[in-house]
Amino acid sequence: MIMVLNQNRFTVAEPQEIGNKDILDYLGHWGAKADSFLENTNTKTPDAGQECFNFEMSQLNIKEVRGNYTVKDYEGYVGAFQQTGFDPFDKMIPNGFITISNSDWYIPDNFVSYYDYSKTINLCWVEVKGTNWIKNSDIEHYRHFQRSVDNWNALIEKAGKPHIKRKAPIEFKIAVYPDALSSYYQHKKNGAWESDLWTPTQTNIDRSYWLTFDELEHRFNNEFREEEELSEKVSFFVHQMHELGFEDYSDRKFRRRI
């Protein structure tokens, strides 16, 4: 193999030196978590929450941005949105999960730019949930992102030029479609043919709710209906993290139904 010499390029092993165990290692297959990712990526399980969001955006005349486009493509629409997140339904390898477990690298699922009823432009990040189960790690990621949004909005307010100031404050919302995934599994359980694909319905939209982070955090801490301990743990040792100054650190993972 001919390589262009550059210290910043990858230096890779020879393929014949990589066995099956090595393949499992670079994919990140470490057990139950990897199996759950395979279930999502190797079947036709849809990203039901995202599909409900897409359906709701189409009802609002907000069009998804896909590839190259012109202004003419958006005639008759009041806004545009783009998928931005790193999602396990999108053929994500398990090792990628380590990456998005860092709150510094978290990014919500969608970015939306639209005109509201007063013809004011709005910019909003939207995280989409296809169930009403929220993990404690979700809350940490969202809190970190909300802090970044608040800091950016404060900077715009104090120093922003007119062209950016008129589009502030930027919002962050969590769109919860509580029965999206369960309605897909019910559709499958009812014996749907392979060609009879599940699609969102108006009922999915009617049962949904959008929350600010503060509203979500309040429900998670004070109004949850059920709590479930998760088998996996955070990837850092508790004692060593306490020694590093993270006094409140815990490797516990759990989820709550809000």
Protein backbone atom coordinates (compact mmCIF):
# COMPACT_ATOMS: atom_id res chain seq x y z
CA MET A 1 0.00 0.00 0.00
CA ILE A 2 1.41 3.38 -1.04
CA MET A 3 1.08 6.01 1.69
CA VAL A 4 1.50 9.78 1.38
CA LEU A 5 3.92 10.70 4.12
CA ASN A 6 2.37 13.04 6.64
CA GLN A 7 2.62 12.80 10.42
CA ASN A 8 -1.08 13.68 10.79
CA ARG A 9 -2.37 10.82 8.63
CA PHE A 10 -3.43 7.48 10.05
CA THR A 11 -0.75 4.79 10.24
CA VAL A 12 -2.70 1.56 9.88
CA ALA A 13 -2.04 -2.14 10.40
CA GLU A 14 -1.93 -4.65 7.56
CA PRO A 15 -5.37 -6.27 7.03
CA GLN A 16 -3.95 -9.79 7.21
CA GLU A 17 -2.79 -9.05 10.76
CA ILE A 18 -6.34 -8.31 11.95
CA GLY A 19 -8.34 -11.28 13.22
CA ASN A 20 -11.98 -11.64 14.25
CA LYS A 21 -11.24 -10.65 17.85
CA ASP A 22 -9.53 -7.49 16.62
CA ILE A 23 -12.53 -6.68 14.43
CA LEU A 24 -14.88 -6.98 17.39
CA ASP A 25 -12.51 -4.74 19.34
CA TYR A 26 -12.36 -1.87 16.82
CA LEU A 27 -16.12 -2.03 16.30
CA GLY A 28 -16.56 -1.86 20.06
CA HIS A 29 -18.46 -5.08 20.74
CA TRP A 30 -18.18 -5.44 24.48
CA GLY A 31 -21.41 -7.28 25.33
CA ALA A 32 -25.02 -6.35 26.01
CA LYS A 33 -24.65 -2.73 24.90
CA ALA A 34 -23.19 -3.79 21.55
CA ASP A 35 -25.98 -6.31 21.10
CA SER A 36 -28.59 -3.58 21.58
CA PHE A 37 -26.86 -1.47 18.92
CA LEU A 38 -26.84 -4.40 16.52
CA GLU A 39 -30.56 -4.87 17.09
CA ASN A 40 -31.12 -1.29 15.94
CA THR A 41 -28.68 -1.23 13.02
CA ASN A 42 -29.06 -4.75 11.62
CA THR A 43 -32.88 -4.75 11.57
CA LYS A 44 -35.36 -2.38 10.02
CA THR A 45 -36.29 -0.84 13.37
CA PRO A 46 -37.01 2.80 12.53
CA ASP A 47 -35.90 5.83 14.48
CA ALA A 48 -39.55 6.22 15.41
CA GLY A 49 -39.17 9.45 17.38
CA GLN A 50 -37.31 11.15 14.53
CA GLU A 51 -39.91 9.98 12.02
CA CYS A 52 -42.64 11.51 14.19
CA PHE A 53 -40.65 14.75 14.34
CA ASN A 54 -40.25 14.74 10.55
CA PHE A 55 -43.99 14.17 10.19
CA GLU A 56 -44.78 17.06 12.53
CA MET A 57 -42.37 19.36 10.68
CA SER A 58 -44.11 18.52 7.39
CA GLN A 59 -47.44 19.53 8.96
CA LEU A 60 -45.89 22.87 9.96
CA ASN A 61 -44.48 23.39 6.44
CA ILE A 62 -40.89 23.18 7.69
CA LYS A 63 -38.84 21.26 5.13
CA GLU A 64 -35.83 19.05 5.78
CA VAL A 65 -32.53 20.10 4.22
CA ARG A 66 -31.00 17.23 2.24
CA GLY A 67 -27.94 17.70 0.06
CA ASN A 68 -27.77 20.49 -2.50
CA TYR A 69 -30.70 22.87 -2.70
CA THR A 70 -31.85 26.18 -4.16
CA VAL A 71 -34.23 28.85 -2.86
CA LYS A 72 -36.87 27.48 -5.26
CA ASP A 73 -36.85 24.17 -3.36
CA TYR A 74 -38.23 25.96 -0.31
CA GLU A 75 -40.99 27.98 -1.92
CA GLY A 76 -44.21 27.37 0.01
CA TYR A 77 -42.39 26.56 3.28
CA VAL A 78 -41.96 28.68 6.42
CA GLY A 79 -38.69 27.13 7.55
CA ALA A 80 -36.09 24.40 7.26
CA PHE A 81 -34.57 21.78 9.55
CA GLN A 82 -31.54 19.55 9.40
CA GLN A 83 -30.65 16.37 11.26
CA THR A 84 -27.44 16.95 13.17
CA GLY A 85 -27.09 14.36 15.95
CA PHE A 86 -25.10 11.14 16.20
CA ASP A 87 -27.76 8.46 16.46
CA PRO A 88 -27.51 4.69 17.15
CA PHE A 89 -30.26 4.06 14.60
CA ASP A 90 -28.06 5.55 11.88
CA LYS A 91 -25.69 2.55 11.52
CA MET A 92 -23.59 3.75 14.44
CA ILE A 93 -20.76 1.47 15.58
CA PRO A 94 -20.75 0.76 19.35
CA ASN A 95 -17.36 2.46 19.80
CA GLY A 96 -19.04 5.67 18.69
CA PHE A 97 -21.19 5.47 21.79
CA ILE A 98 -18.10 6.21 23.89
CA THR A 99 -17.74 9.45 21.95
CA ILE A 100 -21.26 10.77 22.49
CA SER A 101 -21.13 9.81 26.18
CA ASN A 102 -18.99 12.91 26.67
CA SER A 103 -21.23 15.93 27.29
CA ASP A 104 -18.67 18.21 25.62
CA TRP A 105 -19.35 16.39 22.33
CA TYR A 106 -23.10 16.04 22.61
CA ILE A 107 -25.18 17.72 19.92
CA PRO A 108 -29.01 17.54 19.66
CA ASP A 109 -30.75 15.62 16.90
CA ASN A 110 -32.00 18.55 14.84
CA PHE A 111 -31.52 22.24 14.11
CA VAL A 112 -34.59 24.21 13.00
CA SER A 113 -34.82 27.70 11.47
CA TYR A 114 -38.34 29.05 10.88
CA TYR A 115 -40.63 32.10 10.82
CA ASP A 116 -43.33 32.21 13.51
CA TYR A 117 -46.83 33.70 13.29
CA SER A 118 -45.46 37.24 13.85
CA LYS A 119 -42.98 36.68 11.02
CA THR A 120 -40.05 36.64 13.43
CA ILE A 121 -37.24 34.24 12.61
CA ASN A 122 -36.50 31.60 15.25
CA LEU A 123 -33.56 29.23 15.66
CA CYS A 124 -33.95 26.12 17.78
CA TRP A 125 -32.03 22.96 18.60
CA VAL A 126 -34.36 19.98 19.10
CA GLU A 127 -33.55 16.68 20.80
CA VAL A 128 -36.06 13.96 19.89
CA LYS A 129 -37.20 11.10 22.13
CA GLY A 130 -39.29 8.21 20.82
CA THR A 131 -40.28 7.09 24.33
CA ASN A 132 -40.89 8.84 27.64
CA TRP A 133 -37.91 7.10 29.29
CA ILE A 134 -35.13 9.57 30.13
CA LYS A 135 -31.70 8.45 31.38
CA ASN A 136 -29.70 10.30 34.00
CA SER A 137 -26.90 10.61 31.43
CA ASP A 138 -29.38 12.33 29.08
CA ILE A 139 -30.02 14.95 31.75
CA GLU A 140 -26.28 15.57 32.16
CA HIS A 141 -25.80 16.02 28.40
CA TYR A 142 -28.79 18.31 28.06
CA ARG A 143 -27.80 20.43 31.06
CA HIS A 144 -24.33 20.90 29.60
CA PHE A 145 -25.75 21.87 26.22
CA GLN A 146 -28.29 24.26 27.76
CA ARG A 147 -25.45 26.00 29.57
CA SER A 148 -23.65 26.46 26.24
CA VAL A 149 -26.82 27.88 24.65
CA ASP A 150 -27.32 30.27 27.58
CA ASN A 151 -23.73 31.49 27.36
CA TRP A 152 -24.02 32.03 23.60
CA ASN A 153 -27.29 33.93 23.99
CA ALA A 154 -25.74 36.14 26.67
CA LEU A 155 -22.83 36.91 24.36
CA ILE A 156 -25.20 37.80 21.51
CA GLU A 157 -27.23 40.04 23.81
CA LYS A 158 -24.17 41.95 24.98
CA ALA A 159 -22.08 42.11 21.81
CA GLY A 160 -24.00 40.66 18.87
CA LYS A 161 -24.22 42.55 15.59
CA PRO A 162 -27.74 43.27 14.26
CA HIS A 163 -27.85 40.38 11.77
CA ILE A 164 -27.34 37.79 14.52
CA LYS A 165 -29.11 39.67 17.31
CA ARG A 166 -32.43 39.60 15.48
CA LYS A 167 -32.27 35.79 15.42
CA ALA A 168 -31.65 35.41 19.16
CA PRO A 169 -32.24 33.97 21.63
CA ILE A 170 -31.48 30.52 20.26
CA GLU A 171 -33.68 27.89 21.90
CA PHE A 172 -33.19 24.28 22.96
CA LYS A 173 -36.23 22.00 23.18
CA ILE A 174 -36.79 18.31 23.86
CA ALA A 175 -39.57 16.80 21.72
CA VAL A 176 -41.04 13.71 23.39
CA TYR A 177 -43.15 11.32 21.32
CA PRO A 178 -43.94 8.87 24.15
CA ASP A 179 -45.61 6.14 22.10
CA ALA A 180 -43.57 6.40 18.89
CA LEU A 181 -41.41 3.30 19.37
CA SER A 182 -44.12 1.30 21.13
CA SER A 183 -46.55 1.96 18.25
CA TYR A 184 -43.96 0.57 15.83
CA TYR A 185 -43.59 -2.62 17.92
CA GLN A 186 -47.38 -2.95 18.14
CA HIS A 187 -47.58 -2.58 14.36
CA LYS A 188 -45.00 -5.36 14.01
CA LYS A 189 -46.75 -7.54 16.61
CA ASN A 190 -50.00 -7.26 14.68
CA GLY A 191 -48.35 -9.19 11.86
CA ALA A 192 -47.61 -6.44 9.38
CA TRP A 193 -46.04 -7.56 6.12
CA GLU A 194 -42.43 -6.63 5.42
CA SER A 195 -43.64 -4.19 2.76
CA ASP A 196 -46.22 -2.67 5.13
CA LEU A 197 -43.90 -0.12 6.69
CA TRP A 198 -44.78 1.64 9.93
CA THR A 199 -45.41 5.35 9.55
CA PRO A 200 -46.25 7.98 12.17
CA THR A 201 -49.88 8.91 12.70
CA GLN A 202 -51.68 11.98 13.98
CA THR A 203 -52.20 10.10 17.24
CA ASN A 204 -48.42 10.04 17.78
CA ILE A 205 -48.35 13.81 17.34
CA ASP A 206 -51.40 14.44 19.54
CA ARG A 207 -49.83 12.48 22.41
CA SER A 208 -46.48 14.22 22.17
CA TYR A 209 -45.15 17.14 24.17
CA TRP A 210 -42.22 19.51 23.82
CA LEU A 211 -40.26 20.65 26.88
CA THR A 212 -37.57 23.13 27.71
CA PHE A 213 -34.61 21.66 29.58
CA ASP A 214 -35.79 23.20 32.86
CA GLU A 215 -39.22 21.61 32.42
CA LEU A 216 -37.69 18.24 31.57
CA GLU A 217 -35.31 18.35 34.54
CA HIS A 218 -38.20 19.21 36.88
CA ARG A 219 -40.23 16.24 35.64
CA PHE A 220 -37.21 13.95 35.85
CA ASN A 221 -36.48 14.91 39.46
CA ASN A 222 -39.96 15.46 40.84
CA GLU A 223 -42.71 14.00 38.66
CA PHE A 224 -41.36 10.72 37.29
CA ARG A 225 -43.69 7.72 37.31
CA GLU A 226 -41.18 4.89 37.31
CA GLU A 227 -37.45 4.30 37.77
CA GLU A 228 -35.31 1.50 36.38
CA GLU A 229 -31.71 0.69 37.22
CA LEU A 230 -29.54 0.03 34.15
CA SER A 231 -26.95 -2.74 34.09
CA GLU A 232 -24.19 -0.76 32.41
CA LYS A 233 -22.03 1.70 34.32
CA VAL A 234 -20.24 4.92 33.41
CA SER A 235 -16.72 4.18 32.12
CA PHE A 236 -14.70 5.79 34.94
CA PHE A 237 -13.79 4.51 38.41
CA VAL A 238 -15.64 6.28 41.21
CA HIS A 239 -12.71 6.52 43.66
CA GLN A 240 -10.30 7.94 41.09
CA MET A 241 -12.88 10.46 39.87
CA HIS A 242 -13.38 11.66 43.46
CA GLU A 243 -9.63 12.05 43.80
CA LEU A 244 -9.61 14.19 40.66
CA GLY A 245 -12.07 16.58 42.27
CA PHE A 246 -15.39 15.27 40.94
CA GLU A 247 -16.92 14.95 44.39
CA ASP A 248 -20.47 14.18 43.23
CA TYR A 249 -19.44 11.65 40.59
CA SER A 250 -21.25 8.31 40.42
CA ASP A 251 -20.96 5.56 37.82
CA ARG A 252 -24.61 4.63 38.32
CA LYS A 253 -26.89 4.61 35.27
CA PHE A 254 -30.66 4.66 35.55
CA ARG A 255 -33.67 5.90 33.67
CA ARG A 256 -37.01 7.36 34.64
CA ARG A 257 -40.37 7.43 32.91
CA ILE A 258 -41.61 11.03 32.89
